[in-house]
Amino acid sequence: MPWHTEPNTWLTTVRPTGAPQTTRVWFVLLDNTVWISTGDTSLKWRNLVTNPHVTLAFDGTDAGVITGTAELHDRALDRPDVLSAFAAKYNGWDAAADVPGWGNRVLIAVPAAAIRPA
């Protein structure tokens, strides 16, 4: 299965202490950008606010790694194209729906221009 059709990726962010924080997340690939939906109180979002450097690790027949700088979008509803891509990939899942305890829904964008073999 090609990496972009896999259901999950591993997102690594950097804690304020400098320690890595790795989390399995759902994602979509749209316009050569990897998009991730999360809440604005999640650890991954809080880490990215202070340090936007990330690594994404993908499985699949062409498994690979993307290292880059995340762009933070604090209003998920501003990107209906991304929300539609999530709904299509994950059986109607609403990537803009707030989840109790996670805060407001936000989006993380990581350019996928440089994927290297795992």
PDB file of N, CA and C in Angstrom:
ATOM      1  N   MET A   1       0.840  -1.173   0.000  1.00  0.00           N
ATOM      2  CA  MET A   1       0.000   0.000   0.000  1.00  0.00           C
ATOM      3  C   MET A   1       0.896   1.251   0.000  1.00  0.00           C
ATOM      4  N   PRO A   2       0.671   2.213  -0.884  1.00  0.00           N
ATOM      5  CA  PRO A   2       1.466   3.441  -0.873  1.00  0.00           C
ATOM      6  C   PRO A   2       1.312   4.186   0.456  1.00  0.00           C
ATOM      7  N   TRP A   3       2.351   4.890   0.865  1.00  0.00           N
ATOM      8  CA  TRP A   3       2.353   5.528   2.186  1.00  0.00           C
ATOM      9  C   TRP A   3       1.175   6.453   2.410  1.00  0.00           C
ATOM     10  N   HIS A   4       0.761   7.188   1.377  1.00  0.00           N
ATOM     11  CA  HIS A   4      -0.305   8.172   1.582  1.00  0.00           C
ATOM     12  C   HIS A   4      -1.690   7.554   1.724  1.00  0.00           C
ATOM     13  N   THR A   5      -1.816   6.246   1.432  1.00  0.00           N
ATOM     14  CA  THR A   5      -3.103   5.579   1.628  1.00  0.00           C
ATOM     15  C   THR A   5      -3.166   4.821   2.956  1.00  0.00           C
ATOM     16  N   GLU A   6      -2.057   4.755   3.677  1.00  0.00           N
ATOM     17  CA  GLU A   6      -2.060   4.124   4.999  1.00  0.00           C
ATOM     18  C   GLU A   6      -3.005   4.900   5.924  1.00  0.00           C
ATOM     19  N   PRO A   7      -3.616   4.217   6.897  1.00  0.00           N
ATOM     20  CA  PRO A   7      -4.536   4.930   7.791  1.00  0.00           C
ATOM     21  C   PRO A   7      -3.833   5.820   8.816  1.00  0.00           C
ATOM     22  N   ASN A   8      -2.611   5.493   9.175  1.00  0.00           N
ATOM     23  CA  ASN A   8      -1.932   6.224  10.247  1.00  0.00           C
ATOM     24  C   ASN A   8      -0.515   6.616   9.845  1.00  0.00           C
ATOM     25  N   THR A   9      -0.017   7.630  10.534  1.00  0.00           N
ATOM     26  CA  THR A   9       1.388   7.982  10.489  1.00  0.00           C
ATOM     27  C   THR A   9       1.838   8.233  11.917  1.00  0.00           C
ATOM     28  N   TRP A  10       3.134   8.239  12.122  1.00  0.00           N
ATOM     29  CA  TRP A  10       3.713   8.556  13.425  1.00  0.00           C
ATOM     30  C   TRP A  10       4.245   9.978  13.363  1.00  0.00           C
ATOM     31  N   LEU A  11       3.679  10.850  14.189  1.00  0.00           N
ATOM     32  CA  LEU A  11       4.081  12.250  14.263  1.00  0.00           C
ATOM     33  C   LEU A  11       4.979  12.433  15.480  1.00  0.00           C
ATOM     34  N   THR A  12       6.170  12.959  15.247  1.00  0.00           N
ATOM     35  CA  THR A  12       7.078  13.274  16.348  1.00  0.00           C
ATOM     36  C   THR A  12       7.238  14.788  16.424  1.00  0.00           C
ATOM     37  N   THR A  13       6.943  15.322  17.619  1.00  0.00           N
ATOM     38  CA  THR A  13       7.140  16.735  17.917  1.00  0.00           C
ATOM     39  C   THR A  13       8.213  16.829  18.996  1.00  0.00           C
ATOM     40  N   VAL A  14       8.538  18.064  19.385  1.00  0.00           N
ATOM     41  CA  VAL A  14       9.591  18.278  20.384  1.00  0.00           C
ATOM     42  C   VAL A  14       8.990  18.963  21.611  1.00  0.00           C
ATOM     43  N   ARG A  15       9.156  18.339  22.763  1.00  0.00           N
ATOM     44  CA  ARG A  15       8.679  18.926  24.025  1.00  0.00           C
ATOM     45  C   ARG A  15       9.556  20.125  24.394  1.00  0.00           C
ATOM     46  N   PRO A  16       9.076  21.008  25.272  1.00  0.00           N
ATOM     47  CA  PRO A  16       9.896  22.145  25.715  1.00  0.00           C
ATOM     48  C   PRO A  16      11.233  21.728  26.341  1.00  0.00           C
ATOM     49  N   THR A  17      11.295  20.503  26.869  1.00  0.00           N
ATOM     50  CA  THR A  17      12.547  20.004  27.452  1.00  0.00           C
ATOM     51  C   THR A  17      13.532  19.544  26.390  1.00  0.00           C
ATOM     52  N   GLY A  18      13.085  19.467  25.130  1.00  0.00           N
ATOM     53  CA  GLY A  18      13.916  18.953  24.043  1.00  0.00           C
ATOM     54  C   GLY A  18      13.684  17.482  23.751  1.00  0.00           C
ATOM     55  N   ALA A  19      12.907  16.814  24.595  1.00  0.00           N
ATOM     56  CA  ALA A  19      12.618  15.390  24.399  1.00  0.00           C
ATOM     57  C   ALA A  19      11.610  15.204  23.266  1.00  0.00           C
ATOM     58  N   PRO A  20      11.758  14.143  22.482  1.00  0.00           N
ATOM     59  CA  PRO A  20      10.781  13.878  21.429  1.00  0.00           C
ATOM     60  C   PRO A  20       9.467  13.356  22.015  1.00  0.00           C
ATOM     61  N   GLN A  21       8.375  13.645  21.322  1.00  0.00           N
ATOM     62  CA  GLN A  21       7.044  13.142  21.679  1.00  0.00           C
ATOM     63  C   GLN A  21       6.448  12.542  20.422  1.00  0.00           C
ATOM     64  N   THR A  22       6.241  11.234  20.390  1.00  0.00           N
ATOM     65  CA  THR A  22       5.730  10.555  19.201  1.00  0.00           C
ATOM     66  C   THR A  22       4.306  10.072  19.453  1.00  0.00           C
ATOM     67  N   THR A  23       3.430  10.331  18.480  1.00  0.00           N
ATOM     68  CA  THR A  23       2.024   9.977  18.572  1.00  0.00           C
ATOM     69  C   THR A  23       1.550   9.431  17.232  1.00  0.00           C
ATOM     70  N   ARG A  24       0.758   8.376  17.271  1.00  0.00           N
ATOM     71  CA  ARG A  24       0.142   7.865  16.046  1.00  0.00           C
ATOM     72  C   ARG A  24      -1.090   8.716  15.742  1.00  0.00           C
ATOM     73  N   VAL A  25      -1.210   9.170  14.492  1.00  0.00           N
ATOM     74  CA  VAL A  25      -2.307  10.051  14.104  1.00  0.00           C
ATOM     75  C   VAL A  25      -2.873   9.658  12.743  1.00  0.00           C
ATOM     76  N   TRP A  26      -4.123  10.052  12.519  1.00  0.00           N
ATOM     77  CA  TRP A  26      -4.713   9.977  11.193  1.00  0.00           C
ATOM     78  C   TRP A  26      -4.212  11.167  10.384  1.00  0.00           C
ATOM     79  N   PHE A  27      -4.174  11.005   9.067  1.00  0.00           N
ATOM     80  CA  PHE A  27      -3.685  12.080   8.200  1.00  0.00           C
ATOM     81  C   PHE A  27      -4.294  11.954   6.815  1.00  0.00           C
ATOM     82  N   VAL A  28      -4.219  13.037   6.074  1.00  0.00           N
ATOM     83  CA  VAL A  28      -4.547  13.019   4.647  1.00  0.00           C
ATOM     84  C   VAL A  28      -3.437  13.754   3.899  1.00  0.00           C
ATOM     85  N   LEU A  29      -3.271  13.385   2.647  1.00  0.00           N
ATOM     86  CA  LEU A  29      -2.337  14.073   1.750  1.00  0.00           C
ATOM     87  C   LEU A  29      -3.174  14.861   0.751  1.00  0.00           C
ATOM     88  N   LEU A  30      -2.944  16.161   0.711  1.00  0.00           N
ATOM     89  CA  LEU A  30      -3.687  17.032  -0.200  1.00  0.00           C
ATOM     90  C   LEU A  30      -2.744  18.107  -0.705  1.00  0.00           C
ATOM     91  N   ASP A  31      -2.633  18.214  -2.024  1.00  0.00           N
ATOM     92  CA  ASP A  31      -1.765  19.220  -2.640  1.00  0.00           C
ATOM     93  C   ASP A  31      -0.341  19.156  -2.101  1.00  0.00           C
ATOM     94  N   ASN A  32       0.193  17.945  -2.025  1.00  0.00           N
ATOM     95  CA  ASN A  32       1.567  17.704  -1.590  1.00  0.00           C
ATOM     96  C   ASN A  32       1.850  18.194  -0.161  1.00  0.00           C
ATOM     97  N   THR A  33       0.798  18.196   0.655  1.00  0.00           N
ATOM     98  CA  THR A  33       0.899  18.565   2.062  1.00  0.00           C
ATOM     99  C   THR A  33       0.217  17.488   2.896  1.00  0.00           C
ATOM    100  N   VAL A  34       0.866  17.079   3.974  1.00  0.00           N
ATOM    101  CA  VAL A  34       0.268  16.147   4.924  1.00  0.00           C
ATOM    102  C   VAL A  34      -0.496  16.979   5.950  1.00  0.00           C
ATOM    103  N   TRP A  35      -1.779  16.644   6.135  1.00  0.00           N
ATOM    104  CA  TRP A  35      -2.650  17.355   7.075  1.00  0.00           C
ATOM    105  C   TRP A  35      -3.015  16.431   8.231  1.00  0.00           C
ATOM    106  N   ILE A  36      -3.015  16.980   9.445  1.00  0.00           N
ATOM    107  CA  ILE A  36      -3.374  16.257  10.658  1.00  0.00           C
ATOM    108  C   ILE A  36      -4.351  17.131  11.427  1.00  0.00           C
ATOM    109  N   SER A  37      -5.408  16.535  11.949  1.00  0.00           N
ATOM    110  CA  SER A  37      -6.380  17.257  12.764  1.00  0.00           C
ATOM    111  C   SER A  37      -6.147  16.898  14.227  1.00  0.00           C
ATOM    112  N   THR A  38      -6.223  17.907  15.095  1.00  0.00           N
ATOM    113  CA  THR A  38      -6.042  17.685  16.530  1.00  0.00           C
ATOM    114  C   THR A  38      -6.789  18.764  17.293  1.00  0.00           C
ATOM    115  N   GLY A  39      -6.660  18.768  18.594  1.00  0.00           N
ATOM    116  CA  GLY A  39      -7.261  19.801  19.426  1.00  0.00           C
ATOM    117  C   GLY A  39      -6.205  20.791  19.885  1.00  0.00           C
ATOM    118  N   ASP A  40      -6.633  22.028  20.153  1.00  0.00           N
ATOM    119  CA  ASP A  40      -5.655  23.049  20.523  1.00  0.00           C
ATOM    120  C   ASP A  40      -5.149  22.942  21.967  1.00  0.00           C
ATOM    121  N   THR A  41      -5.628  21.944  22.709  1.00  0.00           N
ATOM    122  CA  THR A  41      -5.062  21.687  24.038  1.00  0.00           C
ATOM    123  C   THR A  41      -4.240  20.405  24.067  1.00  0.00           C
ATOM    124  N   SER A  42      -4.127  19.742  22.910  1.00  0.00           N
ATOM    125  CA  SER A  42      -3.353  18.493  22.850  1.00  0.00           C
ATOM    126  C   SER A  42      -1.864  18.773  23.028  1.00  0.00           C
ATOM    127  N   LEU A  43      -1.139  17.778  23.508  1.00  0.00           N
ATOM    128  CA  LEU A  43       0.302  17.926  23.695  1.00  0.00           C
ATOM    129  C   LEU A  43       1.000  18.205  22.375  1.00  0.00           C
ATOM    130  N   LYS A  44       0.603  17.526  21.307  1.00  0.00           N
ATOM    131  CA  LYS A  44       1.263  17.740  20.008  1.00  0.00           C
ATOM    132  C   LYS A  44       1.109  19.189  19.563  1.00  0.00           C
ATOM    133  N   TRP A  45      -0.073  19.775  19.717  1.00  0.00           N
ATOM    134  CA  TRP A  45      -0.294  21.170  19.323  1.00  0.00           C
ATOM    135  C   TRP A  45       0.527  22.109  20.204  1.00  0.00           C
ATOM    136  N   ARG A  46       0.488  21.899  21.510  1.00  0.00           N
ATOM    137  CA  ARG A  46       1.250  22.758  22.424  1.00  0.00           C
ATOM    138  C   ARG A  46       2.744  22.692  22.108  1.00  0.00           C
ATOM    139  N   ASN A  47       3.245  21.493  21.801  1.00  0.00           N
ATOM    140  CA  ASN A  47       4.655  21.369  21.416  1.00  0.00           C
ATOM    141  C   ASN A  47       4.953  22.177  20.155  1.00  0.00           C
ATOM    142  N   LEU A  48       4.065  22.088  19.164  1.00  0.00           N
ATOM    143  CA  LEU A  48       4.297  22.750  17.882  1.00  0.00           C
ATOM    144  C   LEU A  48       4.216  24.271  17.979  1.00  0.00           C
ATOM    145  N   VAL A  49       3.443  24.771  18.912  1.00  0.00           N
ATOM    146  CA  VAL A  49       3.353  26.220  19.098  1.00  0.00           C
ATOM    147  C   VAL A  49       4.719  26.785  19.484  1.00  0.00           C
ATOM    148  N   THR A  50       5.467  26.033  20.282  1.00  0.00           N
ATOM    149  CA  THR A  50       6.778  26.522  20.722  1.00  0.00           C
ATOM    150  C   THR A  50       7.924  26.058  19.830  1.00  0.00           C
ATOM    151  N   ASN A  51       7.734  24.937  19.112  1.00  0.00           N
ATOM    152  CA  ASN A  51       8.780  24.415  18.234  1.00  0.00           C
ATOM    153  C   ASN A  51       8.101  23.672  17.082  1.00  0.00           C
ATOM    154  N   PRO A  52       8.047  24.250  15.879  1.00  0.00           N
ATOM    155  CA  PRO A  52       7.292  23.648  14.784  1.00  0.00           C
ATOM    156  C   PRO A  52       7.997  22.513  14.038  1.00  0.00           C
ATOM    157  N   HIS A  53       9.147  22.059  14.489  1.00  0.00           N
ATOM    158  CA  HIS A  53       9.868  20.992  13.791  1.00  0.00           C
ATOM    159  C   HIS A  53       9.208  19.640  14.063  1.00  0.00           C
ATOM    160  N   VAL A  54       9.022  18.857  12.993  1.00  0.00           N
ATOM    161  CA  VAL A  54       8.344  17.566  13.088  1.00  0.00           C
ATOM    162  C   VAL A  54       9.060  16.516  12.252  1.00  0.00           C
ATOM    163  N   THR A  55       8.766  15.280  12.593  1.00  0.00           N
ATOM    164  CA  THR A  55       9.090  14.141  11.751  1.00  0.00           C
ATOM    165  C   THR A  55       7.831  13.302  11.629  1.00  0.00           C
ATOM    166  N   LEU A  56       7.540  12.853  10.403  1.00  0.00           N
ATOM    167  CA  LEU A  56       6.432  11.946  10.136  1.00  0.00           C
ATOM    168  C   LEU A  56       7.025  10.657   9.599  1.00  0.00           C
ATOM    169  N   ALA A  57       6.627   9.529  10.158  1.00  0.00           N
ATOM    170  CA  ALA A  57       7.112   8.223   9.699  1.00  0.00           C
ATOM    171  C   ALA A  57       5.926   7.419   9.185  1.00  0.00           C
ATOM    172  N   PHE A  58       6.044   6.935   7.946  1.00  0.00           N
ATOM    173  CA  PHE A  58       4.962   6.236   7.261  1.00  0.00           C
ATOM    174  C   PHE A  58       5.317   4.780   7.009  1.00  0.00           C
ATOM    175  N   ASP A  59       4.289   3.911   7.078  1.00  0.00           N
ATOM    176  CA  ASP A  59       4.414   2.521   6.675  1.00  0.00           C
ATOM    177  C   ASP A  59       3.973   2.412   5.219  1.00  0.00           C
ATOM    178  N   GLY A  60       3.975   1.204   4.706  1.00  0.00           N
ATOM    179  CA  GLY A  60       3.488   0.975   3.353  1.00  0.00           C
ATOM    180  C   GLY A  60       4.587   0.425   2.462  1.00  0.00           C
ATOM    181  N   THR A  61       4.206   0.134   1.214  1.00  0.00           N
ATOM    182  CA  THR A  61       5.162  -0.444   0.275  1.00  0.00           C
ATOM    183  C   THR A  61       6.279   0.523  -0.070  1.00  0.00           C
ATOM    184  N   ASP A  62       6.007   1.802   0.081  1.00  0.00           N
ATOM    185  CA  ASP A  62       7.033   2.817  -0.159  1.00  0.00           C
ATOM    186  C   ASP A  62       7.232   3.645   1.109  1.00  0.00           C
ATOM    187  N   ALA A  63       7.372   2.943   2.233  1.00  0.00           N
ATOM    188  CA  ALA A  63       7.517   3.586   3.537  1.00  0.00           C
ATOM    189  C   ALA A  63       8.590   4.660   3.497  1.00  0.00           C
ATOM    190  N   GLY A  64       8.367   5.702   4.283  1.00  0.00           N
ATOM    191  CA  GLY A  64       9.338   6.777   4.284  1.00  0.00           C
ATOM    192  C   GLY A  64       9.170   7.702   5.461  1.00  0.00           C
ATOM    193  N   VAL A  65       9.989   8.725   5.470  1.00  0.00           N
ATOM    194  CA  VAL A  65      10.031   9.693   6.555  1.00  0.00           C
ATOM    195  C   VAL A  65      10.049  11.100   5.953  1.00  0.00           C
ATOM    196  N   ILE A  66       9.284  11.982   6.552  1.00  0.00           N
ATOM    197  CA  ILE A  66       9.311  13.399   6.198  1.00  0.00           C
ATOM    198  C   ILE A  66       9.768  14.158   7.433  1.00  0.00           C
ATOM    199  N   THR A  67      10.766  14.995   7.273  1.00  0.00           N
ATOM    200  CA  THR A  67      11.215  15.884   8.340  1.00  0.00           C
ATOM    201  C   THR A  67      11.010  17.304   7.842  1.00  0.00           C
ATOM    202  N   GLY A  68      10.359  18.128   8.655  1.00  0.00           N
ATOM    203  CA  GLY A  68      10.095  19.477   8.196  1.00  0.00           C
ATOM    204  C   GLY A  68       9.574  20.385   9.281  1.00  0.00           C
ATOM    205  N   THR A  69       8.972  21.466   8.833  1.00  0.00           N
ATOM    206  CA  THR A  69       8.415  22.471   9.725  1.00  0.00           C
ATOM    207  C   THR A  69       6.911  22.515   9.529  1.00  0.00           C
ATOM    208  N   ALA A  70       6.181  22.330  10.606  1.00  0.00           N
ATOM    209  CA  ALA A  70       4.722  22.335  10.542  1.00  0.00           C
ATOM    210  C   ALA A  70       4.187  23.757  10.449  1.00  0.00           C
ATOM    211  N   GLU A  71       3.104  23.885   9.708  1.00  0.00           N
ATOM    212  CA  GLU A  71       2.344  25.128   9.664  1.00  0.00           C
ATOM    213  C   GLU A  71       1.074  24.883  10.467  1.00  0.00           C
ATOM    214  N   LEU A  72       0.747  25.798  11.374  1.00  0.00           N
ATOM    215  CA  LEU A  72      -0.395  25.624  12.266  1.00  0.00           C
ATOM    216  C   LEU A  72      -1.582  26.440  11.772  1.00  0.00           C
ATOM    217  N   HIS A  73      -2.729  25.798  11.686  1.00  0.00           N
ATOM    218  CA  HIS A  73      -3.973  26.433  11.248  1.00  0.00           C
ATOM    219  C   HIS A  73      -4.958  26.344  12.410  1.00  0.00           C
ATOM    220  N   ASP A  74      -5.217  27.471  13.048  1.00  0.00           N
ATOM    221  CA  ASP A  74      -5.996  27.432  14.287  1.00  0.00           C
ATOM    222  C   ASP A  74      -7.508  27.423  14.085  1.00  0.00           C
ATOM    223  N   ARG A  75      -7.964  27.347  12.831  1.00  0.00           N
ATOM    224  CA  ARG A  75      -9.395  27.222  12.558  1.00  0.00           C
ATOM    225  C   ARG A  75      -9.603  26.140  11.497  1.00  0.00           C
ATOM    226  N   ALA A  76      -9.940  24.948  11.933  1.00  0.00           N
ATOM    227  CA  ALA A  76     -10.131  23.834  10.998  1.00  0.00           C
ATOM    228  C   ALA A  76     -11.204  24.149   9.963  1.00  0.00           C
ATOM    229  N   LEU A  77     -12.236  24.893  10.359  1.00  0.00           N
ATOM    230  CA  LEU A  77     -13.330  25.188   9.434  1.00  0.00           C
ATOM    231  C   LEU A  77     -12.906  26.060   8.259  1.00  0.00           C
ATOM    232  N   ASP A  78     -11.741  26.696   8.349  1.00  0.00           N
ATOM    233  CA  ASP A  78     -11.242  27.520   7.245  1.00  0.00           C
ATOM    234  C   ASP A  78     -10.733  26.686   6.071  1.00  0.00           C
ATOM    235  N   ARG A  79     -10.621  25.370   6.258  1.00  0.00           N
ATOM    236  CA  ARG A  79     -10.106  24.486   5.196  1.00  0.00           C
ATOM    237  C   ARG A  79     -11.109  23.379   4.874  1.00  0.00           C
ATOM    238  N   PRO A  80     -12.237  23.715   4.231  1.00  0.00           N
ATOM    239  CA  PRO A  80     -13.230  22.686   3.903  1.00  0.00           C
ATOM    240  C   PRO A  80     -12.675  21.605   2.972  1.00  0.00           C
ATOM    241  N   ASP A  81     -11.682  21.938   2.139  1.00  0.00           N
ATOM    242  CA  ASP A  81     -11.083  20.934   1.263  1.00  0.00           C
ATOM    243  C   ASP A  81     -10.372  19.854   2.074  1.00  0.00           C
ATOM    244  N   VAL A  82      -9.693  20.252   3.129  1.00  0.00           N
ATOM    245  CA  VAL A  82      -9.001  19.294   4.001  1.00  0.00           C
ATOM    246  C   VAL A  82     -10.023  18.461   4.772  1.00  0.00           C
ATOM    247  N   LEU A  83     -11.053  19.115   5.279  1.00  0.00           N
ATOM    248  CA  LEU A  83     -12.092  18.395   6.027  1.00  0.00           C
ATOM    249  C   LEU A  83     -12.790  17.363   5.139  1.00  0.00           C
ATOM    250  N   SER A  84     -13.023  17.721   3.879  1.00  0.00           N
ATOM    251  CA  SER A  84     -13.632  16.767   2.926  1.00  0.00           C
ATOM    252  C   SER A  84     -12.715  15.584   2.675  1.00  0.00           C
ATOM    253  N   ALA A  85     -11.413  15.839   2.598  1.00  0.00           N
ATOM    254  CA  ALA A  85     -10.451  14.747   2.377  1.00  0.00           C
ATOM    255  C   ALA A  85     -10.445  13.793   3.572  1.00  0.00           C
ATOM    256  N   PHE A  86     -10.512  14.326   4.790  1.00  0.00           N
ATOM    257  CA  PHE A  86     -10.596  13.466   5.974  1.00  0.00           C
ATOM    258  C   PHE A  86     -11.876  12.637   5.944  1.00  0.00           C
ATOM    259  N   ALA A  87     -12.998  13.269   5.622  1.00  0.00           N
ATOM    260  CA  ALA A  87     -14.272  12.555   5.582  1.00  0.00           C
ATOM    261  C   ALA A  87     -14.239  11.430   4.542  1.00  0.00           C
ATOM    262  N   ALA A  88     -13.621  11.687   3.397  1.00  0.00           N
ATOM    263  CA  ALA A  88     -13.536  10.670   2.352  1.00  0.00           C
ATOM    264  C   ALA A  88     -12.644   9.505   2.770  1.00  0.00           C
ATOM    265  N   LYS A  89     -11.536   9.791   3.421  1.00  0.00           N
ATOM    266  CA  LYS A  89     -10.597   8.732   3.801  1.00  0.00           C
ATOM    267  C   LYS A  89     -11.075   7.922   5.002  1.00  0.00           C
ATOM    268  N   TYR A  90     -11.766   8.582   5.935  1.00  0.00           N
ATOM    269  CA  TYR A  90     -12.123   7.934   7.208  1.00  0.00           C
ATOM    270  C   TYR A  90     -13.637   7.806   7.389  1.00  0.00           C
ATOM    271  N   ASN A  91     -14.325   7.378   6.328  1.00  0.00           N
ATOM    272  CA  ASN A  91     -15.743   7.008   6.399  1.00  0.00           C
ATOM    273  C   ASN A  91     -16.636   8.067   7.025  1.00  0.00           C
ATOM    274  N   GLY A  92     -16.487   9.308   6.579  1.00  0.00           N
ATOM    275  CA  GLY A  92     -17.363  10.372   7.030  1.00  0.00           C
ATOM    276  C   GLY A  92     -16.931  11.089   8.295  1.00  0.00           C
ATOM    277  N   TRP A  93     -15.749  10.761   8.821  1.00  0.00           N
ATOM    278  CA  TRP A  93     -15.281  11.391  10.061  1.00  0.00           C
ATOM    279  C   TRP A  93     -15.227  12.909   9.907  1.00  0.00           C
ATOM    280  N   ASP A  94     -15.724  13.615  10.911  1.00  0.00           N
ATOM    281  CA  ASP A  94     -15.730  15.075  10.910  1.00  0.00           C
ATOM    282  C   ASP A  94     -14.493  15.585  11.636  1.00  0.00           C
ATOM    283  N   ALA A  95     -13.470  15.959  10.881  1.00  0.00           N
ATOM    284  CA  ALA A  95     -12.194  16.402  11.447  1.00  0.00           C
ATOM    285  C   ALA A  95     -12.281  17.781  12.075  1.00  0.00           C
ATOM    286  N   ALA A  96     -13.443  18.446  11.970  1.00  0.00           N
ATOM    287  CA  ALA A  96     -13.616  19.757  12.598  1.00  0.00           C
ATOM    288  C   ALA A  96     -14.407  19.676  13.895  1.00  0.00           C
ATOM    289  N   ALA A  97     -14.960  18.500  14.202  1.00  0.00           N
ATOM    290  CA  ALA A  97     -15.788  18.358  15.407  1.00  0.00           C
ATOM    291  C   ALA A  97     -14.916  18.424  16.662  1.00  0.00           C
ATOM    292  N   ASP A  98     -15.301  19.297  17.571  1.00  0.00           N
ATOM    293  CA  ASP A  98     -14.568  19.404  18.826  1.00  0.00           C
ATOM    294  C   ASP A  98     -14.748  18.132  19.642  1.00  0.00           C
ATOM    295  N   VAL A  99     -13.689  17.739  20.333  1.00  0.00           N
ATOM    296  CA  VAL A  99     -13.707  16.551  21.186  1.00  0.00           C
ATOM    297  C   VAL A  99     -13.530  17.031  22.623  1.00  0.00           C
ATOM    298  N   PRO A 100     -14.440  16.664  23.526  1.00  0.00           N
ATOM    299  CA  PRO A 100     -14.308  17.119  24.908  1.00  0.00           C
ATOM    300  C   PRO A 100     -12.918  16.798  25.471  1.00  0.00           C
ATOM    301  N   GLY A 101     -12.309  17.795  26.085  1.00  0.00           N
ATOM    302  CA  GLY A 101     -10.988  17.624  26.671  1.00  0.00           C
ATOM    303  C   GLY A 101      -9.836  17.919  25.719  1.00  0.00           C
ATOM    304  N   TRP A 102     -10.128  18.106  24.433  1.00  0.00           N
ATOM    305  CA  TRP A 102      -9.077  18.380  23.444  1.00  0.00           C
ATOM    306  C   TRP A 102      -9.101  19.815  22.954  1.00  0.00           C
ATOM    307  N   GLY A 103     -10.088  20.605  23.383  1.00  0.00           N
ATOM    308  CA  GLY A 103     -10.183  21.991  22.941  1.00  0.00           C
ATOM    309  C   GLY A 103     -10.771  22.103  21.550  1.00  0.00           C
ATOM    310  N   ASN A 104     -10.541  23.233  20.930  1.00  0.00           N
ATOM    311  CA  ASN A 104     -11.045  23.499  19.582  1.00  0.00           C
ATOM    312  C   ASN A 104     -10.237  22.726  18.547  1.00  0.00           C
ATOM    313  N   ARG A 105     -10.916  22.294  17.475  1.00  0.00           N
ATOM    314  CA  ARG A 105     -10.227  21.568  16.408  1.00  0.00           C
ATOM    315  C   ARG A 105      -9.352  22.497  15.598  1.00  0.00           C
ATOM    316  N   VAL A 106      -8.139  22.040  15.349  1.00  0.00           N
ATOM    317  CA  VAL A 106      -7.130  22.782  14.603  1.00  0.00           C
ATOM    318  C   VAL A 106      -6.468  21.821  13.615  1.00  0.00           C
ATOM    319  N   LEU A 107      -5.709  22.369  12.670  1.00  0.00           N
ATOM    320  CA  LEU A 107      -5.038  21.557  11.661  1.00  0.00           C
ATOM    321  C   LEU A 107      -3.542  21.820  11.657  1.00  0.00           C
ATOM    322  N   ILE A 108      -2.805  20.758  11.422  1.00  0.00           N
ATOM    323  CA  ILE A 108      -1.353  20.810  11.269  1.00  0.00           C
ATOM    324  C   ILE A 108      -1.054  20.461   9.811  1.00  0.00           C
ATOM    325  N   ALA A 109      -0.244  21.279   9.154  1.00  0.00           N
ATOM    326  CA  ALA A 109       0.143  21.042   7.761  1.00  0.00           C
ATOM    327  C   ALA A 109       1.660  20.878   7.679  1.00  0.00           C
ATOM    328  N   VAL A 110       2.082  19.805   7.000  1.00  0.00           N
ATOM    329  CA  VAL A 110       3.517  19.561   6.823  1.00  0.00           C
ATOM    330  C   VAL A 110       3.779  19.327   5.330  1.00  0.00           C
ATOM    331  N   PRO A 111       4.586  20.167   4.691  1.00  0.00           N
ATOM    332  CA  PRO A 111       4.897  19.951   3.279  1.00  0.00           C
ATOM    333  C   PRO A 111       5.513  18.572   3.056  1.00  0.00           C
ATOM    334  N   ALA A 112       5.045  17.886   2.023  1.00  0.00           N
ATOM    335  CA  ALA A 112       5.496  16.516   1.761  1.00  0.00           C
ATOM    336  C   ALA A 112       6.471  16.446   0.594  1.00  0.00           C
ATOM    337  N   ALA A 113       7.162  17.513   0.327  1.00  0.00           N
ATOM    338  CA  ALA A 113       8.051  17.569  -0.839  1.00  0.00           C
ATOM    339  C   ALA A 113       9.239  16.623  -0.721  1.00  0.00           C
ATOM    340  N   ALA A 114       9.713  16.369   0.470  1.00  0.00           N
ATOM    341  CA  ALA A 114      10.941  15.594   0.633  1.00  0.00           C
ATOM    342  C   ALA A 114      10.702  14.369   1.501  1.00  0.00           C
ATOM    343  N   ILE A 115      10.119  13.311   0.925  1.00  0.00           N
ATOM    344  CA  ILE A 115       9.968  12.052   1.654  1.00  0.00           C
ATOM    345  C   ILE A 115      11.195  11.207   1.323  1.00  0.00           C
ATOM    346  N   ARG A 116      11.830  10.680   2.350  1.00  0.00           N
ATOM    347  CA  ARG A 116      13.013   9.843   2.130  1.00  0.00           C
ATOM    348  C   ARG A 116      12.698   8.432   2.598  1.00  0.00           C
ATOM    349  N   PRO A 117      13.333   7.426   2.022  1.00  0.00           N
ATOM    350  CA  PRO A 117      13.065   6.048   2.412  1.00  0.00           C
ATOM    351  C   PRO A 117      13.331   5.820   3.901  1.00  0.00           C
ATOM    352  N   ALA A 118      12.518   4.956   4.489  1.00  0.00           N
ATOM    353  CA  ALA A 118      12.676   4.647   5.922  1.00  0.00           C
ATOM    354  C   ALA A 118      13.871   3.765   6.157  1.00  0.00           C
TER     355      ALA A 118
END
